[in-house]
Amino acid sequence: PYYVDLNQDLFLEASLHSSDRNLILFVDTCVASPDPSNFKALTYELIRSGCVKDPTYITINSSYKDVARFSFNAFSFIHRYPSVYLQCELVVCMKNDYSSRCYRGCASRFKRDVGS
């Protein structure tokens, strides 16, 4: 566990351990929950499909492409839950594949107009 005060900035880092130097890392989704075994019911989205959902979420640039860093402000779930758990999904891509998920950033889906 990592103990923080409410509204304190949390800094996180994920790194890819591979001998292949042509791989990069991208934070796709991070969701918080008061229940470590249920990230579907009561959740709070920090980032979803590369789209920032929390106004305090900040991507921190790294000179290493196999390292993903970000921060956000600590929060509580309606003051009833003593702990908050984080579950993140990261994507690994080839370094110069500009059509990959890592280079597209926010992948919001748009509704299509079906017409009359």
PDB file of N, CA and C in Angstrom:
ATOM      1  N   PRO A   1       0.824  -1.202   0.000  1.00  0.00           N
ATOM      2  CA  PRO A   1       0.000   0.000   0.000  1.00  0.00           C
ATOM      3  C   PRO A   1       0.865   1.261   0.000  1.00  0.00           C
ATOM      4  N   TYR A   2       0.304   2.278  -0.533  1.00  0.00           N
ATOM      5  CA  TYR A   2       0.969   3.584  -0.572  1.00  0.00           C
ATOM      6  C   TYR A   2       0.008   4.577   0.061  1.00  0.00           C
ATOM      7  N   TYR A   3       0.409   5.218   1.144  1.00  0.00           N
ATOM      8  CA  TYR A   3      -0.477   6.090   1.890  1.00  0.00           C
ATOM      9  C   TYR A   3      -0.245   7.544   1.500  1.00  0.00           C
ATOM     10  N   VAL A   4      -1.345   8.231   1.180  1.00  0.00           N
ATOM     11  CA  VAL A   4      -1.269   9.636   0.798  1.00  0.00           C
ATOM     12  C   VAL A   4      -2.428  10.395   1.435  1.00  0.00           C
ATOM     13  N   ASP A   5      -2.270  11.690   1.481  1.00  0.00           N
ATOM     14  CA  ASP A   5      -3.341  12.551   1.960  1.00  0.00           C
ATOM     15  C   ASP A   5      -4.257  12.920   0.802  1.00  0.00           C
ATOM     16  N   LEU A   6      -5.472  13.281   1.136  1.00  0.00           N
ATOM     17  CA  LEU A   6      -6.436  13.712   0.142  1.00  0.00           C
ATOM     18  C   LEU A   6      -5.887  14.912  -0.620  1.00  0.00           C
ATOM     19  N   ASN A   7      -6.048  14.923  -1.923  1.00  0.00           N
ATOM     20  CA  ASN A   7      -5.575  15.981  -2.827  1.00  0.00           C
ATOM     21  C   ASN A   7      -4.064  16.033  -3.006  1.00  0.00           C
ATOM     22  N   GLN A   8      -3.343  15.078  -2.464  1.00  0.00           N
ATOM     23  CA  GLN A   8      -1.902  15.013  -2.683  1.00  0.00           C
ATOM     24  C   GLN A   8      -1.645  14.461  -4.079  1.00  0.00           C
ATOM     25  N   ASP A   9      -0.629  14.969  -4.758  1.00  0.00           N
ATOM     26  CA  ASP A   9      -0.281  14.460  -6.077  1.00  0.00           C
ATOM     27  C   ASP A   9       0.400  13.104  -5.959  1.00  0.00           C
ATOM     28  N   LEU A  10      -0.062  12.162  -6.767  1.00  0.00           N
ATOM     29  CA  LEU A  10       0.548  10.828  -6.849  1.00  0.00           C
ATOM     30  C   LEU A  10       1.289  10.748  -8.169  1.00  0.00           C
ATOM     31  N   PHE A  11       2.492  10.216  -8.151  1.00  0.00           N
ATOM     32  CA  PHE A  11       3.295  10.057  -9.360  1.00  0.00           C
ATOM     33  C   PHE A  11       3.515   8.568  -9.589  1.00  0.00           C
ATOM     34  N   LEU A  12       3.197   8.102 -10.800  1.00  0.00           N
ATOM     35  CA  LEU A  12       3.348   6.692 -11.130  1.00  0.00           C
ATOM     36  C   LEU A  12       4.225   6.531 -12.357  1.00  0.00           C
ATOM     37  N   GLU A  13       4.901   5.400 -12.391  1.00  0.00           N
ATOM     38  CA  GLU A  13       5.774   5.084 -13.516  1.00  0.00           C
ATOM     39  C   GLU A  13       5.665   3.604 -13.814  1.00  0.00           C
ATOM     40  N   ALA A  14       5.545   3.288 -15.096  1.00  0.00           N
ATOM     41  CA  ALA A  14       5.570   1.900 -15.551  1.00  0.00           C
ATOM     42  C   ALA A  14       6.706   1.786 -16.549  1.00  0.00           C
ATOM     43  N   SER A  15       7.438   0.696 -16.470  1.00  0.00           N
ATOM     44  CA  SER A  15       8.542   0.517 -17.414  1.00  0.00           C
ATOM     45  C   SER A  15       8.470  -0.865 -18.040  1.00  0.00           C
ATOM     46  N   LEU A  16       8.893  -0.916 -19.279  1.00  0.00           N
ATOM     47  CA  LEU A  16       8.906  -2.152 -20.042  1.00  0.00           C
ATOM     48  C   LEU A  16      10.305  -2.745 -19.956  1.00  0.00           C
ATOM     49  N   HIS A  17      10.399  -3.981 -19.540  1.00  0.00           N
ATOM     50  CA  HIS A  17      11.686  -4.645 -19.429  1.00  0.00           C
ATOM     51  C   HIS A  17      11.828  -5.629 -20.585  1.00  0.00           C
ATOM     52  N   SER A  18      12.539  -5.200 -21.609  1.00  0.00           N
ATOM     53  CA  SER A  18      12.740  -6.012 -22.800  1.00  0.00           C
ATOM     54  C   SER A  18      14.083  -5.663 -23.416  1.00  0.00           C
ATOM     55  N   SER A  19      14.694  -6.627 -24.053  1.00  0.00           N
ATOM     56  CA  SER A  19      15.963  -6.364 -24.739  1.00  0.00           C
ATOM     57  C   SER A  19      15.724  -5.682 -26.090  1.00  0.00           C
ATOM     58  N   ASP A  20      14.468  -5.657 -26.543  1.00  0.00           N
ATOM     59  CA  ASP A  20      14.127  -5.013 -27.810  1.00  0.00           C
ATOM     60  C   ASP A  20      13.987  -3.515 -27.588  1.00  0.00           C
ATOM     61  N   ARG A  21      14.907  -2.732 -28.081  1.00  0.00           N
ATOM     62  CA  ARG A  21      14.915  -1.282 -27.887  1.00  0.00           C
ATOM     63  C   ARG A  21      13.950  -0.569 -28.844  1.00  0.00           C
ATOM     64  N   ASN A  22      13.248  -1.312 -29.691  1.00  0.00           N
ATOM     65  CA  ASN A  22      12.304  -0.725 -30.635  1.00  0.00           C
ATOM     66  C   ASN A  22      10.864  -0.766 -30.137  1.00  0.00           C
ATOM     67  N   LEU A  23      10.676  -0.971 -28.844  1.00  0.00           N
ATOM     68  CA  LEU A  23       9.344  -1.008 -28.266  1.00  0.00           C
ATOM     69  C   LEU A  23       9.081   0.241 -27.444  1.00  0.00           C
ATOM     70  N   ILE A  24       7.841   0.721 -27.493  1.00  0.00           N
ATOM     71  CA  ILE A  24       7.448   1.870 -26.671  1.00  0.00           C
ATOM     72  C   ILE A  24       6.227   1.488 -25.838  1.00  0.00           C
ATOM     73  N   LEU A  25       5.966   2.292 -24.816  1.00  0.00           N
ATOM     74  CA  LEU A  25       4.901   2.007 -23.860  1.00  0.00           C
ATOM     75  C   LEU A  25       3.907   3.159 -23.852  1.00  0.00           C
ATOM     76  N   PHE A  26       2.614   2.838 -23.795  1.00  0.00           N
ATOM     77  CA  PHE A  26       1.550   3.834 -23.820  1.00  0.00           C
ATOM     78  C   PHE A  26       0.504   3.497 -22.763  1.00  0.00           C
ATOM     79  N   VAL A  27       0.126   4.478 -21.931  1.00  0.00           N
ATOM     80  CA  VAL A  27      -0.932   4.276 -20.938  1.00  0.00           C
ATOM     81  C   VAL A  27      -2.270   4.436 -21.650  1.00  0.00           C
ATOM     82  N   ASP A  28      -3.015   3.349 -21.733  1.00  0.00           N
ATOM     83  CA  ASP A  28      -4.297   3.370 -22.428  1.00  0.00           C
ATOM     84  C   ASP A  28      -5.441   3.680 -21.475  1.00  0.00           C
ATOM     85  N   THR A  29      -5.523   2.954 -20.366  1.00  0.00           N
ATOM     86  CA  THR A  29      -6.656   3.082 -19.445  1.00  0.00           C
ATOM     87  C   THR A  29      -6.191   2.906 -18.007  1.00  0.00           C
ATOM     88  N   CYS A  30      -6.683   3.759 -17.117  1.00  0.00           N
ATOM     89  CA  CYS A  30      -6.477   3.601 -15.674  1.00  0.00           C
ATOM     90  C   CYS A  30      -7.799   3.902 -14.982  1.00  0.00           C
ATOM     91  N   VAL A  31      -8.231   2.928 -14.186  1.00  0.00           N
ATOM     92  CA  VAL A  31      -9.498   3.033 -13.478  1.00  0.00           C
ATOM     93  C   VAL A  31      -9.246   2.786 -11.994  1.00  0.00           C
ATOM     94  N   ALA A  32      -9.902   3.566 -11.151  1.00  0.00           N
ATOM     95  CA  ALA A  32      -9.783   3.408  -9.704  1.00  0.00           C
ATOM     96  C   ALA A  32     -11.067   2.801  -9.152  1.00  0.00           C
ATOM     97  N   SER A  33     -10.928   2.049  -8.067  1.00  0.00           N
ATOM     98  CA  SER A  33     -12.074   1.419  -7.421  1.00  0.00           C
ATOM     99  C   SER A  33     -11.774   1.254  -5.930  1.00  0.00           C
ATOM    100  N   PRO A  34     -12.806   1.289  -5.083  1.00  0.00           N
ATOM    101  CA  PRO A  34     -12.587   0.999  -3.665  1.00  0.00           C
ATOM    102  C   PRO A  34     -12.492  -0.502  -3.394  1.00  0.00           C
ATOM    103  N   ASP A  35     -12.817  -1.321  -4.405  1.00  0.00           N
ATOM    104  CA  ASP A  35     -12.802  -2.778  -4.275  1.00  0.00           C
ATOM    105  C   ASP A  35     -11.720  -3.354  -5.197  1.00  0.00           C
ATOM    106  N   PRO A  36     -10.680  -3.974  -4.647  1.00  0.00           N
ATOM    107  CA  PRO A  36      -9.589  -4.474  -5.484  1.00  0.00           C
ATOM    108  C   PRO A  36      -9.985  -5.630  -6.409  1.00  0.00           C
ATOM    109  N   SER A  37     -11.142  -6.232  -6.170  1.00  0.00           N
ATOM    110  CA  SER A  37     -11.566  -7.351  -7.009  1.00  0.00           C
ATOM    111  C   SER A  37     -12.712  -6.991  -7.950  1.00  0.00           C
ATOM    112  N   ASN A  38     -13.128  -5.720  -7.946  1.00  0.00           N
ATOM    113  CA  ASN A  38     -14.240  -5.320  -8.813  1.00  0.00           C
ATOM    114  C   ASN A  38     -13.974  -3.937  -9.410  1.00  0.00           C
ATOM    115  N   PHE A  39     -13.581  -3.938 -10.670  1.00  0.00           N
ATOM    116  CA  PHE A  39     -13.338  -2.680 -11.374  1.00  0.00           C
ATOM    117  C   PHE A  39     -14.441  -2.411 -12.391  1.00  0.00           C
ATOM    118  N   LYS A  40     -15.657  -2.892 -12.076  1.00  0.00           N
ATOM    119  CA  LYS A  40     -16.814  -2.676 -12.958  1.00  0.00           C
ATOM    120  C   LYS A  40     -17.914  -1.875 -12.263  1.00  0.00           C
ATOM    121  N   ALA A  41     -18.165  -2.129 -10.989  1.00  0.00           N
ATOM    122  CA  ALA A  41     -19.312  -1.516 -10.298  1.00  0.00           C
ATOM    123  C   ALA A  41     -19.055  -0.049  -9.961  1.00  0.00           C
ATOM    124  N   LEU A  42     -18.408   0.204  -8.855  1.00  0.00           N
ATOM    125  CA  LEU A  42     -18.120   1.569  -8.420  1.00  0.00           C
ATOM    126  C   LEU A  42     -16.697   1.914  -8.847  1.00  0.00           C
ATOM    127  N   THR A  43     -16.564   2.701  -9.887  1.00  0.00           N
ATOM    128  CA  THR A  43     -15.239   3.033 -10.411  1.00  0.00           C
ATOM    129  C   THR A  43     -15.131   4.516 -10.717  1.00  0.00           C
ATOM    130  N   TYR A  44     -13.900   4.936 -10.881  1.00  0.00           N
ATOM    131  CA  TYR A  44     -13.600   6.305 -11.292  1.00  0.00           C
ATOM    132  C   TYR A  44     -12.518   6.217 -12.363  1.00  0.00           C
ATOM    133  N   GLU A  45     -12.792   6.792 -13.526  1.00  0.00           N
ATOM    134  CA  GLU A  45     -11.846   6.728 -14.639  1.00  0.00           C
ATOM    135  C   GLU A  45     -10.873   7.898 -14.595  1.00  0.00           C
ATOM    136  N   LEU A  46      -9.595   7.572 -14.646  1.00  0.00           N
ATOM    137  CA  LEU A  46      -8.556   8.594 -14.778  1.00  0.00           C
ATOM    138  C   LEU A  46      -8.265   8.843 -16.248  1.00  0.00           C
ATOM    139  N   ILE A  47      -8.140   7.744 -16.999  1.00  0.00           N
ATOM    140  CA  ILE A  47      -7.910   7.799 -18.438  1.00  0.00           C
ATOM    141  C   ILE A  47      -8.553   6.565 -19.052  1.00  0.00           C
ATOM    142  N   ARG A  48      -9.219   6.741 -20.185  1.00  0.00           N
ATOM    143  CA  ARG A  48      -9.894   5.614 -20.854  1.00  0.00           C
ATOM    144  C   ARG A  48      -9.607   5.715 -22.351  1.00  0.00           C
ATOM    145  N   SER A  49      -9.063   4.648 -22.922  1.00  0.00           N
ATOM    146  CA  SER A  49      -8.707   4.595 -24.347  1.00  0.00           C
ATOM    147  C   SER A  49      -7.820   5.772 -24.755  1.00  0.00           C
ATOM    148  N   GLY A  50      -6.911   6.142 -23.854  1.00  0.00           N
ATOM    149  CA  GLY A  50      -5.989   7.229 -24.135  1.00  0.00           C
ATOM    150  C   GLY A  50      -6.579   8.609 -23.942  1.00  0.00           C
ATOM    151  N   CYS A  51      -7.864   8.698 -23.586  1.00  0.00           N
ATOM    152  CA  CYS A  51      -8.542   9.988 -23.383  1.00  0.00           C
ATOM    153  C   CYS A  51      -8.585  10.309 -21.889  1.00  0.00           C
ATOM    154  N   VAL A  52      -8.025  11.427 -21.510  1.00  0.00           N
ATOM    155  CA  VAL A  52      -7.981  11.833 -20.105  1.00  0.00           C
ATOM    156  C   VAL A  52      -9.388  12.150 -19.617  1.00  0.00           C
ATOM    157  N   LYS A  53      -9.780  11.548 -18.484  1.00  0.00           N
ATOM    158  CA  LYS A  53     -11.107  11.743 -17.903  1.00  0.00           C
ATOM    159  C   LYS A  53     -11.063  12.568 -16.624  1.00  0.00           C
ATOM    160  N   ASP A  54      -9.934  12.562 -15.947  1.00  0.00           N
ATOM    161  CA  ASP A  54      -9.778  13.293 -14.692  1.00  0.00           C
ATOM    162  C   ASP A  54      -8.988  14.570 -14.949  1.00  0.00           C
ATOM    163  N   PRO A  55      -9.481  15.721 -14.510  1.00  0.00           N
ATOM    164  CA  PRO A  55      -8.787  16.985 -14.790  1.00  0.00           C
ATOM    165  C   PRO A  55      -7.411  17.116 -14.132  1.00  0.00           C
ATOM    166  N   THR A  56      -7.126  16.269 -13.133  1.00  0.00           N
ATOM    167  CA  THR A  56      -5.811  16.349 -12.482  1.00  0.00           C
ATOM    168  C   THR A  56      -4.800  15.389 -13.086  1.00  0.00           C
ATOM    169  N   TYR A  57      -5.237  14.542 -14.023  1.00  0.00           N
ATOM    170  CA  TYR A  57      -4.338  13.570 -14.663  1.00  0.00           C
ATOM    171  C   TYR A  57      -3.367  14.307 -15.581  1.00  0.00           C
ATOM    172  N   ILE A  58      -2.088  14.019 -15.428  1.00  0.00           N
ATOM    173  CA  ILE A  58      -1.052  14.642 -16.249  1.00  0.00           C
ATOM    174  C   ILE A  58      -0.090  13.568 -16.744  1.00  0.00           C
ATOM    175  N   THR A  59       0.140  13.554 -18.062  1.00  0.00           N
ATOM    176  CA  THR A  59       1.159  12.676 -18.629  1.00  0.00           C
ATOM    177  C   THR A  59       2.500  13.373 -18.454  1.00  0.00           C
ATOM    178  N   ILE A  60       3.461  12.659 -17.927  1.00  0.00           N
ATOM    179  CA  ILE A  60       4.796  13.219 -17.697  1.00  0.00           C
ATOM    180  C   ILE A  60       5.743  12.627 -18.735  1.00  0.00           C
ATOM    181  N   ASN A  61       6.329  13.496 -19.529  1.00  0.00           N
ATOM    182  CA  ASN A  61       7.234  13.038 -20.588  1.00  0.00           C
ATOM    183  C   ASN A  61       8.471  12.383 -19.996  1.00  0.00           C
ATOM    184  N   SER A  62       8.913  11.363 -20.693  1.00  0.00           N
ATOM    185  CA  SER A  62      10.119  10.655 -20.310  1.00  0.00           C
ATOM    186  C   SER A  62      11.050  10.608 -21.515  1.00  0.00           C
ATOM    187  N   SER A  63      12.326  10.701 -21.282  1.00  0.00           N
ATOM    188  CA  SER A  63      13.275  10.600 -22.390  1.00  0.00           C
ATOM    189  C   SER A  63      13.420   9.144 -22.845  1.00  0.00           C
ATOM    190  N   TYR A  64      12.867   8.237 -22.077  1.00  0.00           N
ATOM    191  CA  TYR A  64      12.890   6.821 -22.422  1.00  0.00           C
ATOM    192  C   TYR A  64      11.512   6.412 -22.925  1.00  0.00           C
ATOM    193  N   LYS A  65      11.430   5.880 -24.128  1.00  0.00           N
ATOM    194  CA  LYS A  65      10.144   5.498 -24.725  1.00  0.00           C
ATOM    195  C   LYS A  65       9.564   4.225 -24.115  1.00  0.00           C
ATOM    196  N   ASP A  66      10.399   3.465 -23.386  1.00  0.00           N
ATOM    197  CA  ASP A  66       9.894   2.257 -22.747  1.00  0.00           C
ATOM    198  C   ASP A  66       9.448   2.517 -21.302  1.00  0.00           C
ATOM    199  N   VAL A  67       9.263   3.814 -20.980  1.00  0.00           N
ATOM    200  CA  VAL A  67       8.803   4.233 -19.657  1.00  0.00           C
ATOM    201  C   VAL A  67       7.578   5.134 -19.832  1.00  0.00           C
ATOM    202  N   ALA A  68       6.521   4.865 -19.087  1.00  0.00           N
ATOM    203  CA  ALA A  68       5.327   5.703 -19.093  1.00  0.00           C
ATOM    204  C   ALA A  68       5.166   6.297 -17.699  1.00  0.00           C
ATOM    205  N   ARG A  69       5.015   7.617 -17.635  1.00  0.00           N
ATOM    206  CA  ARG A  69       4.873   8.306 -16.352  1.00  0.00           C
ATOM    207  C   ARG A  69       3.623   9.176 -16.371  1.00  0.00           C
ATOM    208  N   PHE A  70       2.947   9.209 -15.220  1.00  0.00           N
ATOM    209  CA  PHE A  70       1.797  10.100 -15.106  1.00  0.00           C
ATOM    210  C   PHE A  70       1.551  10.417 -13.640  1.00  0.00           C
ATOM    211  N   SER A  71       0.733  11.434 -13.416  1.00  0.00           N
ATOM    212  CA  SER A  71       0.370  11.806 -12.053  1.00  0.00           C
ATOM    213  C   SER A  71      -1.107  12.181 -12.016  1.00  0.00           C
ATOM    214  N   PHE A  72      -1.666  12.162 -10.813  1.00  0.00           N
ATOM    215  CA  PHE A  72      -3.030  12.618 -10.585  1.00  0.00           C
ATOM    216  C   PHE A  72      -3.184  12.948  -9.111  1.00  0.00           C
ATOM    217  N   ASN A  73      -4.253  13.628  -8.794  1.00  0.00           N
ATOM    218  CA  ASN A  73      -4.538  14.052  -7.433  1.00  0.00           C
ATOM    219  C   ASN A  73      -5.257  12.939  -6.679  1.00  0.00           C
ATOM    220  N   ALA A  74      -4.813  12.648  -5.454  1.00  0.00           N
ATOM    221  CA  ALA A  74      -5.450  11.620  -4.631  1.00  0.00           C
ATOM    222  C   ALA A  74      -6.869  12.046  -4.277  1.00  0.00           C
ATOM    223  N   PHE A  75      -7.782  11.088  -4.268  1.00  0.00           N
ATOM    224  CA  PHE A  75      -9.187  11.359  -3.994  1.00  0.00           C
ATOM    225  C   PHE A  75      -9.759  10.224  -3.163  1.00  0.00           C
ATOM    226  N   SER A  76     -10.972  10.399  -2.680  1.00  0.00           N
ATOM    227  CA  SER A  76     -11.638   9.326  -1.935  1.00  0.00           C
ATOM    228  C   SER A  76     -12.984   9.041  -2.585  1.00  0.00           C
ATOM    229  N   PHE A  77     -13.505   7.850  -2.336  1.00  0.00           N
ATOM    230  CA  PHE A  77     -14.815   7.474  -2.827  1.00  0.00           C
ATOM    231  C   PHE A  77     -15.859   7.808  -1.770  1.00  0.00           C
ATOM    232  N   ILE A  78     -16.473   8.929  -1.914  1.00  0.00           N
ATOM    233  CA  ILE A  78     -17.601   9.353  -1.078  1.00  0.00           C
ATOM    234  C   ILE A  78     -17.295   9.242   0.425  1.00  0.00           C
ATOM    235  N   HIS A  79     -16.046   9.339   0.792  1.00  0.00           N
ATOM    236  CA  HIS A  79     -15.587   9.320   2.195  1.00  0.00           C
ATOM    237  C   HIS A  79     -16.022   8.072   2.961  1.00  0.00           C
ATOM    238  N   ARG A  80     -16.479   7.026   2.239  1.00  0.00           N
ATOM    239  CA  ARG A  80     -16.897   5.797   2.920  1.00  0.00           C
ATOM    240  C   ARG A  80     -15.884   4.679   2.789  1.00  0.00           C
ATOM    241  N   TYR A  81     -14.938   4.842   1.900  1.00  0.00           N
ATOM    242  CA  TYR A  81     -13.987   3.765   1.628  1.00  0.00           C
ATOM    243  C   TYR A  81     -12.584   4.219   2.008  1.00  0.00           C
ATOM    244  N   PRO A  82     -11.899   3.460   2.854  1.00  0.00           N
ATOM    245  CA  PRO A  82     -10.579   3.881   3.318  1.00  0.00           C
ATOM    246  C   PRO A  82      -9.469   3.718   2.278  1.00  0.00           C
ATOM    247  N   SER A  83      -9.690   2.887   1.262  1.00  0.00           N
ATOM    248  CA  SER A  83      -8.639   2.624   0.279  1.00  0.00           C
ATOM    249  C   SER A  83      -9.173   2.789  -1.136  1.00  0.00           C
ATOM    250  N   VAL A  84      -8.264   3.129  -2.018  1.00  0.00           N
ATOM    251  CA  VAL A  84      -8.573   3.227  -3.441  1.00  0.00           C
ATOM    252  C   VAL A  84      -7.546   2.375  -4.175  1.00  0.00           C
ATOM    253  N   TYR A  85      -8.017   1.530  -5.079  1.00  0.00           N
ATOM    254  CA  TYR A  85      -7.143   0.649  -5.852  1.00  0.00           C
ATOM    255  C   TYR A  85      -7.134   1.104  -7.302  1.00  0.00           C
ATOM    256  N   LEU A  86      -6.005   0.924  -7.934  1.00  0.00           N
ATOM    257  CA  LEU A  86      -5.824   1.382  -9.301  1.00  0.00           C
ATOM    258  C   LEU A  86      -5.534   0.193 -10.210  1.00  0.00           C
ATOM    259  N   GLN A  87      -6.193   0.162 -11.364  1.00  0.00           N
ATOM    260  CA  GLN A  87      -5.935  -0.865 -12.368  1.00  0.00           C
ATOM    261  C   GLN A  87      -5.680  -0.142 -13.689  1.00  0.00           C
ATOM    262  N   CYS A  88      -4.511  -0.398 -14.282  1.00  0.00           N
ATOM    263  CA  CYS A  88      -4.140   0.275 -15.525  1.00  0.00           C
ATOM    264  C   CYS A  88      -3.856  -0.731 -16.628  1.00  0.00           C
ATOM    265  N   GLU A  89      -4.181  -0.334 -17.833  1.00  0.00           N
ATOM    266  CA  GLU A  89      -3.870  -1.120 -19.017  1.00  0.00           C
ATOM    267  C   GLU A  89      -2.896  -0.315 -19.864  1.00  0.00           C
ATOM    268  N   LEU A  90      -1.788  -0.945 -20.216  1.00  0.00           N
ATOM    269  CA  LEU A  90      -0.783  -0.292 -21.039  1.00  0.00           C
ATOM    270  C   LEU A  90      -0.642  -1.037 -22.351  1.00  0.00           C
ATOM    271  N   VAL A  91      -0.215  -0.327 -23.365  1.00  0.00           N
ATOM    272  CA  VAL A  91      -0.048  -0.913 -24.692  1.00  0.00           C
ATOM    273  C   VAL A  91       1.425  -0.838 -25.063  1.00  0.00           C
ATOM    274  N   VAL A  92       1.916  -1.910 -25.659  1.00  0.00           N
ATOM    275  CA  VAL A  92       3.294  -1.951 -26.154  1.00  0.00           C
ATOM    276  C   VAL A  92       3.237  -1.916 -27.673  1.00  0.00           C
ATOM    277  N   CYS A  93       4.006  -1.018 -28.279  1.00  0.00           N
ATOM    278  CA  CYS A  93       4.010  -0.859 -29.737  1.00  0.00           C
ATOM    279  C   CYS A  93       5.443  -0.805 -30.249  1.00  0.00           C
ATOM    280  N   MET A  94       5.571  -0.969 -31.552  1.00  0.00           N
ATOM    281  CA  MET A  94       6.869  -0.780 -32.201  1.00  0.00           C
ATOM    282  C   MET A  94       7.169   0.714 -32.260  1.00  0.00           C
ATOM    283  N   LYS A  95       8.417   1.074 -32.064  1.00  0.00           N
ATOM    284  CA  LYS A  95       8.826   2.464 -31.942  1.00  0.00           C
ATOM    285  C   LYS A  95       8.387   3.367 -33.097  1.00  0.00           C
ATOM    286  N   ASN A  96       8.560   2.977 -34.317  1.00  0.00           N
ATOM    287  CA  ASN A  96       8.262   3.867 -35.441  1.00  0.00           C
ATOM    288  C   ASN A  96       7.009   3.481 -36.217  1.00  0.00           C
ATOM    289  N   ASP A  97       6.111   2.733 -35.601  1.00  0.00           N
ATOM    290  CA  ASP A  97       4.856   2.370 -36.248  1.00  0.00           C
ATOM    291  C   ASP A  97       3.815   3.438 -35.915  1.00  0.00           C
ATOM    292  N   TYR A  98       3.759   4.468 -36.747  1.00  0.00           N
ATOM    293  CA  TYR A  98       2.911   5.623 -36.466  1.00  0.00           C
ATOM    294  C   TYR A  98       1.423   5.339 -36.635  1.00  0.00           C
ATOM    295  N   SER A  99       1.079   4.175 -37.157  1.00  0.00           N
ATOM    296  CA  SER A  99      -0.328   3.793 -37.253  1.00  0.00           C
ATOM    297  C   SER A  99      -0.762   2.982 -36.024  1.00  0.00           C
ATOM    298  N   SER A 100       0.165   2.731 -35.111  1.00  0.00           N
ATOM    299  CA  SER A 100      -0.137   1.909 -33.931  1.00  0.00           C
ATOM    300  C   SER A 100      -0.951   2.690 -32.905  1.00  0.00           C
ATOM    301  N   ARG A 101      -1.514   1.975 -31.977  1.00  0.00           N
ATOM    302  CA  ARG A 101      -2.313   2.556 -30.890  1.00  0.00           C
ATOM    303  C   ARG A 101      -1.506   3.566 -30.070  1.00  0.00           C
ATOM    304  N   CYS A 102      -0.244   3.342 -29.902  1.00  0.00           N
ATOM    305  CA  CYS A 102       0.599   4.230 -29.095  1.00  0.00           C
ATOM    306  C   CYS A 102       0.693   5.638 -29.678  1.00  0.00           C
ATOM    307  N   TYR A 103       0.659   5.756 -30.970  1.00  0.00           N
ATOM    308  CA  TYR A 103       0.811   7.063 -31.614  1.00  0.00           C
ATOM    309  C   TYR A 103      -0.520   7.765 -31.868  1.00  0.00           C
ATOM    310  N   ARG A 104      -1.628   7.046 -31.778  1.00  0.00           N
ATOM    311  CA  ARG A 104      -2.933   7.666 -32.059  1.00  0.00           C
ATOM    312  C   ARG A 104      -3.466   8.479 -30.903  1.00  0.00           C
ATOM    313  N   GLY A 105      -2.963   8.243 -29.691  1.00  0.00           N
ATOM    314  CA  GLY A 105      -3.431   9.006 -28.536  1.00  0.00           C
ATOM    315  C   GLY A 105      -4.863   8.668 -28.174  1.00  0.00           C
ATOM    316  N   CYS A 106      -5.666   9.687 -27.926  1.00  0.00           N
ATOM    317  CA  CYS A 106      -7.052   9.508 -27.520  1.00  0.00           C
ATOM    318  C   CYS A 106      -7.849   8.858 -28.646  1.00  0.00           C
ATOM    319  N   ALA A 107      -8.475   7.730 -28.335  1.00  0.00           N
ATOM    320  CA  ALA A 107      -9.245   6.992 -29.331  1.00  0.00           C
ATOM    321  C   ALA A 107     -10.722   7.030 -28.968  1.00  0.00           C
ATOM    322  N   SER A 108     -11.291   8.232 -28.994  1.00  0.00           N
ATOM    323  CA  SER A 108     -12.714   8.338 -28.678  1.00  0.00           C
ATOM    324  C   SER A 108     -13.533   7.856 -29.860  1.00  0.00           C
ATOM    325  N   ARG A 109     -14.609   7.216 -29.550  1.00  0.00           N
ATOM    326  CA  ARG A 109     -15.471   6.696 -30.618  1.00  0.00           C
ATOM    327  C   ARG A 109     -16.546   7.730 -30.915  1.00  0.00           C
ATOM    328  N   PHE A 110     -16.776   7.926 -32.183  1.00  0.00           N
ATOM    329  CA  PHE A 110     -17.819   8.852 -32.621  1.00  0.00           C
ATOM    330  C   PHE A 110     -19.013   8.059 -33.119  1.00  0.00           C
ATOM    331  N   LYS A 111     -20.200   8.523 -32.774  1.00  0.00           N
ATOM    332  CA  LYS A 111     -21.415   7.879 -33.256  1.00  0.00           C
ATOM    333  C   LYS A 111     -21.627   8.281 -34.712  1.00  0.00           C
ATOM    334  N   ARG A 112     -21.980   7.300 -35.512  1.00  0.00           N
ATOM    335  CA  ARG A 112     -22.243   7.587 -36.927  1.00  0.00           C
ATOM    336  C   ARG A 112     -23.699   7.962 -37.107  1.00  0.00           C
ATOM    337  N   ASP A 113     -23.922   8.856 -38.028  1.00  0.00           N
ATOM    338  CA  ASP A 113     -25.273   9.240 -38.377  1.00  0.00           C
ATOM    339  C   ASP A 113     -25.842   8.181 -39.310  1.00  0.00           C
ATOM    340  N   VAL A 114     -26.920   7.535 -38.906  1.00  0.00           N
ATOM    341  CA  VAL A 114     -27.502   6.476 -39.727  1.00  0.00           C
ATOM    342  C   VAL A 114     -28.434   7.035 -40.788  1.00  0.00           C
ATOM    343  N   GLY A 115     -28.695   8.317 -40.736  1.00  0.00           N
ATOM    344  CA  GLY A 115     -29.548   8.946 -41.748  1.00  0.00           C
ATOM    345  C   GLY A 115     -31.005   8.605 -41.553  1.00  0.00           C
ATOM    346  N   SER A 116     -31.796   8.946 -42.518  1.00  0.00           N
ATOM    347  CA  SER A 116     -33.237   8.707 -42.402  1.00  0.00           C
ATOM    348  C   SER A 116     -33.613   7.328 -42.931  1.00  0.00           C
TER     349      SER A 116
END
